[in-house]
N, C-alpha and C. Protein backbone atom coordinates (compact mmCIF):
# COMPACT_ATOMS: atom_id res chain seq x y z
N UNK A 1 208.72 171.58 139.29
CA UNK A 1 207.60 172.51 139.11
C UNK A 1 206.65 171.94 138.07
N UNK A 2 205.36 172.05 138.30
CA UNK A 2 204.38 171.57 137.36
C UNK A 2 204.41 172.39 136.08
N UNK A 3 204.08 171.72 134.97
CA UNK A 3 203.96 172.46 133.73
C UNK A 3 202.68 173.27 133.76
N UNK A 4 202.62 174.32 132.95
CA UNK A 4 201.43 175.16 132.92
C UNK A 4 200.20 174.35 132.53
N UNK A 5 200.37 173.45 131.54
CA UNK A 5 199.24 172.66 131.08
C UNK A 5 198.69 171.77 132.18
N UNK A 6 199.59 171.15 132.97
CA UNK A 6 199.12 170.29 134.06
C UNK A 6 198.39 171.10 135.13
N UNK A 7 198.86 172.33 135.36
CA UNK A 7 198.18 173.20 136.34
C UNK A 7 196.79 173.54 135.85
N UNK A 8 196.68 173.89 134.56
CA UNK A 8 195.38 174.25 134.00
C UNK A 8 194.42 173.07 134.07
N UNK A 9 194.89 171.87 133.75
CA UNK A 9 194.03 170.70 133.80
C UNK A 9 193.55 170.44 135.21
N UNK A 10 194.44 170.64 136.16
CA UNK A 10 194.09 170.38 137.56
C UNK A 10 193.13 171.43 138.09
N UNK A 11 193.33 172.69 137.67
CA UNK A 11 192.50 173.77 138.20
C UNK A 11 191.12 173.85 137.57
N UNK A 12 191.01 173.46 136.30
CA UNK A 12 189.77 173.73 135.60
C UNK A 12 189.04 172.47 135.11
N UNK A 13 189.31 171.35 135.71
CA UNK A 13 188.58 170.15 135.35
C UNK A 13 187.22 170.14 136.05
N UNK A 14 186.49 169.06 135.88
CA UNK A 14 185.15 168.95 136.47
C UNK A 14 185.22 169.06 137.98
N UNK A 15 184.12 169.48 138.63
CA UNK A 15 184.11 169.66 140.09
C UNK A 15 184.62 168.43 140.83
N UNK A 16 185.44 168.64 141.82
CA UNK A 16 186.00 167.55 142.63
C UNK A 16 186.33 168.12 143.99
N UNK A 17 186.90 167.29 144.83
CA UNK A 17 187.25 167.76 146.17
C UNK A 17 188.31 168.85 146.13
N UNK A 18 189.10 168.89 145.05
CA UNK A 18 190.12 169.93 144.92
C UNK A 18 189.50 171.30 144.66
N UNK A 19 188.27 171.29 144.10
CA UNK A 19 187.64 172.56 143.77
C UNK A 19 187.42 173.42 145.01
N UNK A 20 187.21 172.76 146.15
CA UNK A 20 186.98 173.50 147.38
C UNK A 20 188.18 174.36 147.73
N UNK A 21 189.37 173.84 147.42
CA UNK A 21 190.60 174.58 147.72
C UNK A 21 190.78 175.79 146.80
N UNK A 22 190.08 175.77 145.67
CA UNK A 22 190.23 176.84 144.70
C UNK A 22 189.22 177.97 144.88
N UNK A 23 188.30 177.80 145.82
CA UNK A 23 187.31 178.84 146.09
C UNK A 23 187.96 179.93 146.93
N UNK A 24 187.99 181.10 146.45
CA UNK A 24 188.61 182.21 147.17
C UNK A 24 187.67 183.41 147.20
N UNK A 25 187.88 184.26 148.14
CA UNK A 25 187.02 185.43 148.29
C UNK A 25 187.26 186.44 147.16
N UNK A 26 186.21 187.12 146.83
CA UNK A 26 186.29 188.13 145.78
C UNK A 26 187.23 189.25 146.19
N UNK A 27 188.13 189.61 145.25
CA UNK A 27 189.07 190.68 145.57
C UNK A 27 188.34 192.02 145.70
N UNK A 28 188.80 192.80 146.62
CA UNK A 28 188.19 194.11 146.84
C UNK A 28 188.96 195.18 146.11
N UNK A 29 188.40 196.36 146.05
CA UNK A 29 189.03 197.47 145.36
C UNK A 29 190.40 197.75 145.96
N UNK A 30 191.40 197.90 145.07
CA UNK A 30 192.76 198.15 145.53
C UNK A 30 192.85 199.44 146.34
N UNK A 31 192.19 200.45 145.86
CA UNK A 31 192.32 201.75 146.50
C UNK A 31 191.61 201.80 147.85
N UNK A 32 190.49 201.10 148.00
CA UNK A 32 189.75 201.14 149.26
C UNK A 32 190.27 200.15 150.28
N UNK A 33 190.88 199.06 149.80
CA UNK A 33 191.33 198.01 150.71
C UNK A 33 192.83 197.76 150.58
N UNK A 34 193.55 198.77 150.22
CA UNK A 34 194.99 198.62 149.97
C UNK A 34 195.73 198.08 151.19
N UNK A 35 195.46 198.68 152.34
CA UNK A 35 196.14 198.26 153.57
C UNK A 35 195.82 196.80 153.90
N UNK A 36 194.57 196.42 153.70
CA UNK A 36 194.15 195.07 154.03
C UNK A 36 194.87 194.03 153.16
N UNK A 37 194.98 194.35 151.88
CA UNK A 37 195.65 193.41 150.97
C UNK A 37 197.15 193.33 151.23
N UNK A 38 197.75 194.43 151.62
CA UNK A 38 199.17 194.41 151.97
C UNK A 38 199.40 193.51 153.18
N UNK A 39 198.46 193.55 154.12
CA UNK A 39 198.58 192.68 155.30
C UNK A 39 198.59 191.21 154.89
N UNK A 40 197.81 190.86 153.89
CA UNK A 40 197.80 189.47 153.43
C UNK A 40 199.14 189.13 152.79
N UNK A 41 199.76 190.11 152.14
CA UNK A 41 201.09 189.89 151.57
C UNK A 41 202.12 189.68 152.67
N UNK A 42 202.02 190.47 153.71
CA UNK A 42 202.95 190.34 154.83
C UNK A 42 202.86 188.96 155.46
N UNK A 43 201.67 188.39 155.45
CA UNK A 43 201.47 187.05 156.01
C UNK A 43 201.83 185.96 155.01
N UNK A 44 202.14 186.38 153.78
CA UNK A 44 202.59 185.46 152.73
C UNK A 44 201.58 184.35 152.44
N UNK A 45 200.32 184.66 152.44
CA UNK A 45 199.30 183.69 152.08
C UNK A 45 199.05 183.81 150.59
N UNK A 46 200.04 183.45 149.82
CA UNK A 46 200.05 183.77 148.40
C UNK A 46 198.96 183.10 147.58
N UNK A 47 198.56 181.89 147.93
CA UNK A 47 197.55 181.24 147.11
C UNK A 47 196.14 181.54 147.57
N UNK A 48 195.88 181.42 148.87
CA UNK A 48 194.53 181.61 149.37
C UNK A 48 194.04 183.03 149.16
N UNK A 49 194.94 183.98 149.08
CA UNK A 49 194.55 185.38 148.90
C UNK A 49 194.76 185.86 147.47
N UNK A 50 194.87 184.91 146.54
CA UNK A 50 195.10 185.28 145.15
C UNK A 50 194.00 184.71 144.27
N UNK A 51 193.82 185.33 143.10
CA UNK A 51 192.89 184.76 142.15
C UNK A 51 193.61 183.70 141.33
N UNK A 52 192.84 182.91 140.59
CA UNK A 52 193.40 181.76 139.88
C UNK A 52 194.43 182.16 138.83
N UNK A 53 194.14 183.22 138.06
CA UNK A 53 195.10 183.59 137.02
C UNK A 53 196.42 184.03 137.62
N UNK A 54 196.36 184.65 138.81
CA UNK A 54 197.59 185.05 139.47
C UNK A 54 198.40 183.82 139.88
N UNK A 55 197.72 182.81 140.36
CA UNK A 55 198.39 181.58 140.77
C UNK A 55 199.08 180.93 139.58
N UNK A 56 198.39 180.89 138.42
CA UNK A 56 198.97 180.30 137.22
C UNK A 56 200.19 181.09 136.77
N UNK A 57 200.09 182.41 136.77
CA UNK A 57 201.22 183.22 136.36
C UNK A 57 202.43 182.95 137.24
N UNK A 58 202.22 182.85 138.54
CA UNK A 58 203.32 182.63 139.48
C UNK A 58 203.97 181.26 139.31
N UNK A 59 203.21 180.28 138.82
CA UNK A 59 203.73 178.94 138.67
C UNK A 59 204.30 178.67 137.28
N UNK A 60 204.27 179.65 136.40
CA UNK A 60 204.73 179.44 135.03
C UNK A 60 206.22 179.10 135.00
N UNK A 61 206.53 178.05 134.28
CA UNK A 61 207.91 177.60 134.18
C UNK A 61 208.83 178.66 133.59
N UNK A 62 208.28 179.49 132.74
CA UNK A 62 209.08 180.49 132.03
C UNK A 62 209.79 181.46 132.97
N UNK A 63 209.27 181.67 134.14
CA UNK A 63 209.86 182.64 135.07
C UNK A 63 211.32 182.34 135.39
N UNK A 64 211.66 181.07 135.44
CA UNK A 64 213.03 180.70 135.82
C UNK A 64 214.06 181.08 134.76
N UNK A 65 213.56 181.48 133.58
CA UNK A 65 214.47 181.84 132.49
C UNK A 65 214.83 183.32 132.45
N UNK A 66 214.33 184.08 133.43
CA UNK A 66 214.54 185.53 133.41
C UNK A 66 215.24 186.02 134.67
N UNK A 67 216.00 187.09 134.49
CA UNK A 67 216.77 187.64 135.61
C UNK A 67 216.22 188.99 136.08
N UNK A 68 215.74 189.80 135.15
CA UNK A 68 215.27 191.14 135.49
C UNK A 68 213.82 191.32 135.05
N UNK A 69 212.93 191.51 136.01
CA UNK A 69 211.50 191.52 135.73
C UNK A 69 210.88 192.85 136.13
N UNK A 70 210.00 193.35 135.26
CA UNK A 70 209.19 194.52 135.58
C UNK A 70 207.80 194.04 135.96
N UNK A 71 207.41 194.29 137.20
CA UNK A 71 206.04 194.00 137.64
C UNK A 71 205.22 195.24 137.30
N UNK A 72 204.57 195.20 136.16
CA UNK A 72 203.87 196.36 135.62
C UNK A 72 202.48 196.45 136.22
N UNK A 73 202.25 197.49 137.04
CA UNK A 73 200.99 197.60 137.77
C UNK A 73 201.03 196.70 139.00
N UNK A 74 202.08 196.84 139.78
CA UNK A 74 202.38 195.89 140.87
C UNK A 74 201.47 196.01 142.09
N UNK A 75 200.70 197.11 142.19
CA UNK A 75 199.72 197.22 143.28
C UNK A 75 200.31 197.01 144.66
N UNK A 76 199.76 196.07 145.39
CA UNK A 76 200.21 195.82 146.76
C UNK A 76 201.51 195.02 146.84
N UNK A 77 202.04 194.63 145.69
CA UNK A 77 203.34 193.97 145.68
C UNK A 77 203.33 192.49 145.98
N UNK A 78 202.16 191.86 146.08
CA UNK A 78 202.13 190.45 146.46
C UNK A 78 202.74 189.55 145.38
N UNK A 79 202.58 189.91 144.10
CA UNK A 79 203.24 189.13 143.05
C UNK A 79 204.75 189.24 143.15
N UNK A 80 205.24 190.45 143.35
CA UNK A 80 206.68 190.65 143.46
C UNK A 80 207.25 189.96 144.69
N UNK A 81 206.46 189.95 145.76
CA UNK A 81 206.89 189.25 146.97
C UNK A 81 207.13 187.78 146.66
N UNK A 82 206.22 187.19 145.91
CA UNK A 82 206.37 185.78 145.52
C UNK A 82 207.56 185.60 144.59
N UNK A 83 207.66 186.44 143.57
CA UNK A 83 208.72 186.31 142.58
C UNK A 83 210.10 186.49 143.18
N UNK A 84 210.18 187.28 144.23
CA UNK A 84 211.49 187.54 144.85
C UNK A 84 212.08 186.29 145.48
N UNK A 85 211.27 185.26 145.65
CA UNK A 85 211.76 184.00 146.23
C UNK A 85 212.23 183.01 145.18
N UNK A 86 212.17 183.38 143.92
CA UNK A 86 212.68 182.54 142.85
C UNK A 86 214.17 182.85 142.67
N UNK A 87 215.01 181.87 142.90
CA UNK A 87 216.45 182.08 142.95
C UNK A 87 217.04 182.69 141.68
N UNK A 88 216.54 182.28 140.52
CA UNK A 88 217.13 182.74 139.26
C UNK A 88 216.85 184.21 138.97
N UNK A 89 215.83 184.77 139.60
CA UNK A 89 215.49 186.18 139.38
C UNK A 89 216.39 187.07 140.23
N UNK A 90 217.07 188.00 139.58
CA UNK A 90 218.02 188.86 140.29
C UNK A 90 217.42 190.20 140.71
N UNK A 91 216.57 190.76 139.84
CA UNK A 91 216.03 192.09 140.12
C UNK A 91 214.57 192.17 139.68
N UNK A 92 213.74 192.78 140.55
CA UNK A 92 212.33 192.99 140.25
C UNK A 92 212.02 194.47 140.43
N UNK A 93 211.49 195.07 139.39
CA UNK A 93 211.13 196.49 139.43
C UNK A 93 209.62 196.60 139.61
N UNK A 94 209.19 197.25 140.68
CA UNK A 94 207.78 197.45 140.95
C UNK A 94 207.35 198.81 140.42
N UNK A 95 206.38 198.76 139.51
CA UNK A 95 205.86 200.02 138.97
C UNK A 95 204.35 200.06 139.07
N UNK A 96 203.85 201.15 139.67
CA UNK A 96 202.41 201.40 139.71
C UNK A 96 202.21 202.89 139.96
N UNK A 97 201.36 203.54 139.17
CA UNK A 97 201.14 204.99 139.34
C UNK A 97 200.70 205.37 140.75
N UNK A 98 200.08 204.44 141.49
CA UNK A 98 199.60 204.79 142.83
C UNK A 98 200.75 205.05 143.80
N UNK A 99 201.96 204.59 143.46
CA UNK A 99 203.09 204.81 144.36
C UNK A 99 203.49 206.28 144.43
N UNK A 100 202.98 207.08 143.52
CA UNK A 100 203.28 208.50 143.56
C UNK A 100 202.58 209.18 144.74
N UNK A 101 201.55 208.52 145.27
CA UNK A 101 200.88 209.03 146.46
C UNK A 101 201.60 208.49 147.69
N UNK A 102 201.98 209.39 148.59
CA UNK A 102 202.84 209.04 149.72
C UNK A 102 202.28 207.92 150.58
N UNK A 103 200.96 207.92 150.81
CA UNK A 103 200.40 206.92 151.71
C UNK A 103 200.55 205.51 151.14
N UNK A 104 200.44 205.37 149.80
CA UNK A 104 200.61 204.07 149.19
C UNK A 104 202.09 203.69 149.13
N UNK A 105 202.92 204.69 148.87
CA UNK A 105 204.36 204.44 148.80
C UNK A 105 204.88 203.93 150.15
N UNK A 106 204.45 204.56 151.22
CA UNK A 106 204.88 204.16 152.56
C UNK A 106 204.41 202.75 152.89
N UNK A 107 203.20 202.43 152.45
CA UNK A 107 202.64 201.12 152.73
C UNK A 107 203.40 200.03 151.99
N UNK A 108 203.69 200.24 150.72
CA UNK A 108 204.38 199.23 149.94
C UNK A 108 205.81 199.03 150.45
N UNK A 109 206.41 200.07 150.99
CA UNK A 109 207.78 199.97 151.49
C UNK A 109 207.87 199.19 152.80
N UNK A 110 206.73 198.92 153.42
CA UNK A 110 206.70 198.14 154.66
C UNK A 110 206.83 196.63 154.40
N UNK A 111 206.59 196.21 153.17
CA UNK A 111 206.63 194.78 152.87
C UNK A 111 208.07 194.28 152.98
N UNK A 112 208.29 193.17 153.68
CA UNK A 112 209.65 192.64 153.87
C UNK A 112 210.16 191.88 152.66
N UNK A 113 210.33 192.61 151.55
CA UNK A 113 210.90 192.00 150.36
C UNK A 113 212.35 191.61 150.61
N UNK A 114 212.87 190.77 149.73
CA UNK A 114 214.31 190.56 149.72
C UNK A 114 214.91 191.81 149.09
N UNK A 115 215.40 192.70 149.92
CA UNK A 115 215.72 194.06 149.51
C UNK A 115 216.67 194.16 148.32
N UNK A 116 217.60 193.25 148.22
CA UNK A 116 218.56 193.34 147.13
C UNK A 116 217.91 193.12 145.78
N UNK A 117 216.77 192.47 145.77
CA UNK A 117 216.10 192.18 144.50
C UNK A 117 215.08 193.23 144.10
N UNK A 118 214.56 193.97 145.05
CA UNK A 118 213.41 194.84 144.82
C UNK A 118 213.80 196.30 144.60
N UNK A 119 213.23 196.89 143.55
CA UNK A 119 213.35 198.32 143.31
C UNK A 119 211.96 198.88 143.04
N UNK A 120 211.51 199.83 143.84
CA UNK A 120 210.23 200.49 143.62
C UNK A 120 210.51 201.73 142.78
N UNK A 121 209.88 201.82 141.60
CA UNK A 121 210.22 202.88 140.66
C UNK A 121 209.00 203.74 140.32
N UNK A 122 209.29 204.96 139.87
CA UNK A 122 208.22 205.89 139.49
C UNK A 122 208.06 206.01 137.97
N UNK A 123 209.09 205.59 137.22
CA UNK A 123 209.05 205.69 135.77
C UNK A 123 209.72 204.46 135.17
N UNK A 124 208.93 203.57 134.58
CA UNK A 124 209.50 202.32 134.05
C UNK A 124 210.38 202.57 132.82
N UNK A 125 210.20 203.71 132.17
CA UNK A 125 211.01 204.02 131.00
C UNK A 125 212.50 204.14 131.34
N UNK A 126 212.80 204.47 132.59
CA UNK A 126 214.19 204.67 133.01
C UNK A 126 214.94 203.36 133.18
N UNK A 127 214.21 202.26 133.33
CA UNK A 127 214.88 200.97 133.57
C UNK A 127 214.52 199.91 132.54
N UNK A 128 213.69 200.26 131.57
CA UNK A 128 213.15 199.26 130.65
C UNK A 128 214.24 198.54 129.87
N UNK A 129 215.36 199.20 129.62
CA UNK A 129 216.45 198.56 128.87
C UNK A 129 217.07 197.40 129.66
N UNK A 130 216.90 197.40 130.97
CA UNK A 130 217.46 196.34 131.81
C UNK A 130 216.51 195.14 131.93
N UNK A 131 215.26 195.32 131.54
CA UNK A 131 214.23 194.32 131.77
C UNK A 131 214.18 193.29 130.64
N UNK A 132 214.06 192.00 130.99
CA UNK A 132 213.88 190.98 129.96
C UNK A 132 212.49 190.34 130.00
N UNK A 133 211.73 190.57 131.09
CA UNK A 133 210.36 190.07 131.14
C UNK A 133 209.45 191.07 131.85
N UNK A 134 208.29 191.33 131.24
CA UNK A 134 207.25 192.14 131.87
C UNK A 134 206.20 191.19 132.44
N UNK A 135 205.95 191.29 133.73
CA UNK A 135 204.94 190.49 134.42
C UNK A 135 203.78 191.43 134.74
N UNK A 136 202.57 191.09 134.30
CA UNK A 136 201.45 192.01 134.51
C UNK A 136 200.16 191.23 134.75
N UNK A 137 199.57 191.43 135.92
CA UNK A 137 198.36 190.72 136.30
C UNK A 137 197.16 191.68 136.34
N UNK A 138 196.27 191.52 135.37
CA UNK A 138 195.04 192.32 135.30
C UNK A 138 195.29 193.83 135.37
N UNK A 139 196.20 194.28 134.55
CA UNK A 139 196.51 195.72 134.49
C UNK A 139 196.19 196.32 133.13
N UNK A 140 196.46 195.58 132.07
CA UNK A 140 196.24 196.11 130.73
C UNK A 140 194.78 196.48 130.48
N UNK A 141 193.86 195.88 131.23
CA UNK A 141 192.44 196.20 131.03
C UNK A 141 192.07 197.58 131.56
N UNK A 142 193.01 198.26 132.23
CA UNK A 142 192.79 199.65 132.68
C UNK A 142 193.19 200.65 131.60
N UNK A 143 193.87 200.18 130.56
CA UNK A 143 194.40 201.07 129.53
C UNK A 143 193.47 201.14 128.33
N UNK A 144 193.37 202.33 127.71
CA UNK A 144 192.62 202.39 126.46
C UNK A 144 193.51 201.86 125.34
N UNK A 145 192.94 201.70 124.16
CA UNK A 145 193.67 201.06 123.06
C UNK A 145 194.96 201.78 122.70
N UNK A 146 194.91 203.11 122.67
CA UNK A 146 196.10 203.89 122.31
C UNK A 146 197.19 203.71 123.36
N UNK A 147 196.83 203.75 124.63
CA UNK A 147 197.81 203.57 125.70
C UNK A 147 198.43 202.18 125.63
N UNK A 148 197.59 201.18 125.38
CA UNK A 148 198.09 199.81 125.29
C UNK A 148 199.06 199.65 124.14
N UNK A 149 198.71 200.18 122.98
CA UNK A 149 199.58 200.08 121.82
C UNK A 149 200.92 200.76 122.06
N UNK A 150 200.90 201.91 122.70
CA UNK A 150 202.14 202.63 122.98
C UNK A 150 203.03 201.85 123.94
N UNK A 151 202.44 201.28 124.97
CA UNK A 151 203.21 200.52 125.96
C UNK A 151 203.76 199.23 125.37
N UNK A 152 202.95 198.54 124.58
CA UNK A 152 203.43 197.32 123.94
C UNK A 152 204.58 197.61 123.01
N UNK A 153 204.52 198.73 122.31
CA UNK A 153 205.61 199.11 121.41
C UNK A 153 206.90 199.39 122.18
N UNK A 154 206.76 200.03 123.34
CA UNK A 154 207.93 200.29 124.18
C UNK A 154 208.55 198.97 124.64
N UNK A 155 207.72 198.06 125.10
CA UNK A 155 208.21 196.76 125.57
C UNK A 155 208.86 196.00 124.41
N UNK A 156 208.21 195.99 123.27
CA UNK A 156 208.72 195.25 122.11
C UNK A 156 210.03 195.85 121.63
N UNK A 157 210.12 197.16 121.55
CA UNK A 157 211.34 197.81 121.08
C UNK A 157 212.52 197.56 122.00
N UNK A 158 212.23 197.24 123.26
CA UNK A 158 213.29 196.94 124.22
C UNK A 158 213.46 195.43 124.43
N UNK A 159 212.84 194.65 123.55
CA UNK A 159 212.96 193.18 123.53
C UNK A 159 212.53 192.54 124.85
N UNK A 160 211.46 193.07 125.42
CA UNK A 160 210.91 192.51 126.66
C UNK A 160 209.83 191.49 126.34
N UNK A 161 209.99 190.27 126.82
CA UNK A 161 208.93 189.28 126.72
C UNK A 161 207.84 189.65 127.74
N UNK A 162 206.64 189.07 127.60
CA UNK A 162 205.53 189.43 128.48
C UNK A 162 204.80 188.19 128.98
N UNK A 163 204.50 188.18 130.26
CA UNK A 163 203.66 187.17 130.89
C UNK A 163 202.51 187.93 131.53
N UNK A 164 201.27 187.72 131.04
CA UNK A 164 200.18 188.59 131.49
C UNK A 164 198.86 187.85 131.63
N UNK A 165 197.97 188.48 132.41
CA UNK A 165 196.57 188.07 132.45
C UNK A 165 195.73 189.33 132.39
N UNK A 166 194.54 189.20 131.78
CA UNK A 166 193.65 190.35 131.70
C UNK A 166 192.29 189.91 131.19
N UNK A 167 191.28 190.79 131.33
CA UNK A 167 189.96 190.50 130.78
C UNK A 167 190.05 190.42 129.26
N UNK A 168 189.19 189.61 128.67
CA UNK A 168 189.25 189.41 127.22
C UNK A 168 187.85 189.18 126.68
N UNK A 169 187.67 189.45 125.39
CA UNK A 169 186.40 189.14 124.74
C UNK A 169 186.23 187.63 124.62
N UNK A 170 185.01 187.19 124.49
CA UNK A 170 184.72 185.76 124.43
C UNK A 170 185.40 185.06 123.26
N UNK A 171 185.43 185.72 122.10
CA UNK A 171 186.02 185.11 120.91
C UNK A 171 187.51 185.42 120.88
N UNK A 172 188.29 184.46 121.34
CA UNK A 172 189.72 184.69 121.51
C UNK A 172 190.44 184.95 120.20
N UNK A 173 190.08 184.27 119.14
CA UNK A 173 190.82 184.36 117.89
C UNK A 173 190.27 185.42 116.93
N UNK A 174 189.16 186.05 117.25
CA UNK A 174 188.54 186.99 116.33
C UNK A 174 189.42 188.20 116.05
N UNK A 175 189.46 188.62 114.78
CA UNK A 175 190.19 189.85 114.42
C UNK A 175 189.25 190.87 113.81
N UNK A 176 187.93 190.67 113.95
CA UNK A 176 186.97 191.64 113.45
C UNK A 176 187.05 192.91 114.29
N UNK A 177 186.95 194.05 113.65
CA UNK A 177 187.11 195.32 114.35
C UNK A 177 186.16 195.45 115.53
N UNK A 178 184.92 195.01 115.38
CA UNK A 178 183.94 195.16 116.45
C UNK A 178 184.26 194.28 117.65
N UNK A 179 185.13 193.28 117.45
CA UNK A 179 185.47 192.36 118.53
C UNK A 179 186.80 192.68 119.18
N UNK A 180 187.50 193.70 118.67
CA UNK A 180 188.85 193.95 119.15
C UNK A 180 188.87 194.57 120.53
N UNK A 181 187.94 195.46 120.82
CA UNK A 181 187.98 196.17 122.10
C UNK A 181 186.58 196.62 122.49
N UNK A 182 186.34 196.60 123.81
CA UNK A 182 185.04 197.03 124.32
C UNK A 182 185.21 197.65 125.69
N UNK A 183 184.74 198.88 125.85
CA UNK A 183 184.82 199.56 127.14
C UNK A 183 183.57 199.25 127.96
N UNK A 184 183.78 198.77 129.19
CA UNK A 184 182.69 198.41 130.08
C UNK A 184 182.46 199.57 131.04
N UNK A 185 181.38 200.30 130.86
CA UNK A 185 181.14 201.52 131.62
C UNK A 185 181.04 201.29 133.12
N UNK A 186 180.34 200.23 133.54
CA UNK A 186 180.11 200.05 134.98
C UNK A 186 181.38 199.69 135.74
N UNK A 187 182.38 199.17 135.05
CA UNK A 187 183.64 198.82 135.72
C UNK A 187 184.77 199.78 135.37
N UNK A 188 184.61 200.51 134.26
CA UNK A 188 185.66 201.41 133.82
C UNK A 188 186.85 200.68 133.23
N UNK A 189 186.65 199.42 132.83
CA UNK A 189 187.73 198.60 132.29
C UNK A 189 187.49 198.27 130.82
N UNK A 190 188.55 197.83 130.15
CA UNK A 190 188.46 197.43 128.76
C UNK A 190 188.56 195.92 128.64
N UNK A 191 187.71 195.35 127.81
CA UNK A 191 187.83 193.95 127.43
C UNK A 191 188.22 193.95 125.97
N UNK A 192 189.19 193.12 125.60
CA UNK A 192 189.66 193.19 124.22
C UNK A 192 190.30 191.88 123.77
N UNK A 193 190.54 191.81 122.49
CA UNK A 193 191.24 190.68 121.90
C UNK A 193 192.74 190.95 121.97
N UNK A 194 193.39 190.44 123.00
CA UNK A 194 194.80 190.75 123.21
C UNK A 194 195.71 190.08 122.19
N UNK A 195 195.29 188.96 121.63
CA UNK A 195 196.12 188.32 120.61
C UNK A 195 196.35 189.27 119.44
N UNK A 196 195.31 189.96 119.05
CA UNK A 196 195.43 190.90 117.94
C UNK A 196 196.42 192.02 118.28
N UNK A 197 196.26 192.63 119.44
CA UNK A 197 197.12 193.75 119.83
C UNK A 197 198.58 193.31 120.00
N UNK A 198 198.78 192.13 120.56
CA UNK A 198 200.14 191.63 120.77
C UNK A 198 200.82 191.31 119.44
N UNK A 199 200.07 190.70 118.53
CA UNK A 199 200.64 190.39 117.22
C UNK A 199 200.94 191.66 116.44
N UNK A 200 200.05 192.64 116.54
CA UNK A 200 200.27 193.91 115.86
C UNK A 200 201.53 194.61 116.36
N UNK A 201 201.86 194.39 117.63
CA UNK A 201 203.06 195.00 118.21
C UNK A 201 204.32 194.21 117.87
N UNK A 202 204.15 193.07 117.19
CA UNK A 202 205.30 192.29 116.76
C UNK A 202 205.68 191.15 117.69
N UNK A 203 204.76 190.76 118.57
CA UNK A 203 205.05 189.68 119.51
C UNK A 203 204.69 188.32 118.93
N UNK A 204 205.44 187.32 119.35
CA UNK A 204 205.19 185.93 118.98
C UNK A 204 204.44 185.26 120.14
N UNK A 205 203.26 184.72 119.87
CA UNK A 205 202.46 184.07 120.90
C UNK A 205 203.03 182.68 121.17
N UNK A 206 203.50 182.44 122.38
CA UNK A 206 204.03 181.13 122.73
C UNK A 206 202.92 180.23 123.27
N UNK A 207 202.13 180.74 124.19
CA UNK A 207 200.91 180.05 124.61
C UNK A 207 199.88 181.07 125.09
N UNK A 208 198.62 180.70 124.97
CA UNK A 208 197.54 181.60 125.37
C UNK A 208 196.32 180.77 125.75
N UNK A 209 195.64 181.19 126.82
CA UNK A 209 194.44 180.50 127.29
C UNK A 209 193.34 181.52 127.59
N UNK A 210 192.13 181.15 127.27
CA UNK A 210 190.96 181.96 127.59
C UNK A 210 190.10 181.14 128.55
N UNK A 211 190.00 181.57 129.80
CA UNK A 211 189.30 180.78 130.82
C UNK A 211 188.26 181.63 131.53
N UNK A 212 187.35 180.97 132.22
CA UNK A 212 186.36 181.67 133.02
C UNK A 212 187.01 182.20 134.30
N UNK A 213 186.64 183.41 134.67
CA UNK A 213 187.14 184.02 135.90
C UNK A 213 186.49 183.32 137.09
N UNK A 214 187.29 182.76 137.98
CA UNK A 214 186.73 182.05 139.13
C UNK A 214 186.08 182.98 140.14
N UNK A 215 186.35 184.29 140.02
CA UNK A 215 185.78 185.26 140.95
C UNK A 215 184.50 185.89 140.43
N UNK A 216 184.26 185.77 139.13
CA UNK A 216 183.09 186.41 138.55
C UNK A 216 182.61 185.59 137.35
N UNK A 217 181.40 185.06 137.44
CA UNK A 217 180.88 184.15 136.42
C UNK A 217 180.67 184.82 135.06
N UNK A 218 180.55 186.13 135.04
CA UNK A 218 180.30 186.83 133.76
C UNK A 218 181.57 187.38 133.13
N UNK A 219 182.71 186.95 133.61
CA UNK A 219 183.97 187.43 133.06
C UNK A 219 184.80 186.27 132.51
N UNK A 220 185.61 186.58 131.50
CA UNK A 220 186.62 185.67 131.00
C UNK A 220 187.98 186.27 131.31
N UNK A 221 188.97 185.42 131.45
CA UNK A 221 190.34 185.87 131.71
C UNK A 221 191.26 185.35 130.61
N UNK A 222 192.07 186.24 130.09
CA UNK A 222 193.06 185.89 129.08
C UNK A 222 194.41 185.78 129.77
N UNK A 223 195.08 184.65 129.59
CA UNK A 223 196.40 184.42 130.18
C UNK A 223 197.34 184.02 129.06
N UNK A 224 198.48 184.70 128.96
CA UNK A 224 199.37 184.35 127.87
C UNK A 224 200.83 184.66 128.17
N UNK A 225 201.67 184.05 127.35
CA UNK A 225 203.10 184.29 127.40
C UNK A 225 203.56 184.55 125.97
N UNK A 226 204.22 185.69 125.75
CA UNK A 226 204.65 186.07 124.40
C UNK A 226 206.12 186.49 124.44
N UNK A 227 206.78 186.30 123.30
CA UNK A 227 208.18 186.65 123.20
C UNK A 227 208.39 187.74 122.15
N UNK A 228 209.34 188.62 122.46
CA UNK A 228 209.65 189.72 121.55
C UNK A 228 210.50 189.25 120.39
N UNK A 229 211.24 188.18 120.59
CA UNK A 229 212.09 187.63 119.52
C UNK A 229 212.33 186.17 119.78
N UNK A 230 212.61 185.42 118.77
CA UNK A 230 212.87 183.98 118.88
C UNK A 230 214.27 183.67 118.38
């Protein structure tokens, strides 16, 4: 398996013939196109139908070191579908508030996961003690600061490491109050300095990257791996 650094160098170097392979269609709203995205999962087109940060997260070497994973904000389940094929992973818990709606629950249950590994759950607090890694792709940006702090504390108190991607402010290292968090009205999402929030929750930053979003030129993406204890 390639190292994360080699993947980043290959994906984000100067334009080349490989860049054509990295051009992907803009993701559509989960709620409006849920069925369509699940169909792409069923066809297992994991790279062509994924954004770049998702591809990097899936290729991270660290995944092989974990047995029980919480896919926090699992949506259509395409990340969990991919992770279920990693031999060292024994159990994957899919959590997303949308599963409380029957139509979404029925749709996600149609995916041909490796059944012994997959558990679709309604409350992550009931299984968090079993989890050693939280995997989360572009979900934390839906939470306000208080919600994020509460969830990070729950994960940290249960010694869960985290592998995540999310929107971030341009200044990755800034700890100035005005740079910590910003609510974007037109998208309804939060952009923030995740290094600050993660450190405040007691996490150790193992690696972190701030890159341009390949789907939107005016966005940055924060990708990181943190540990609850060393």
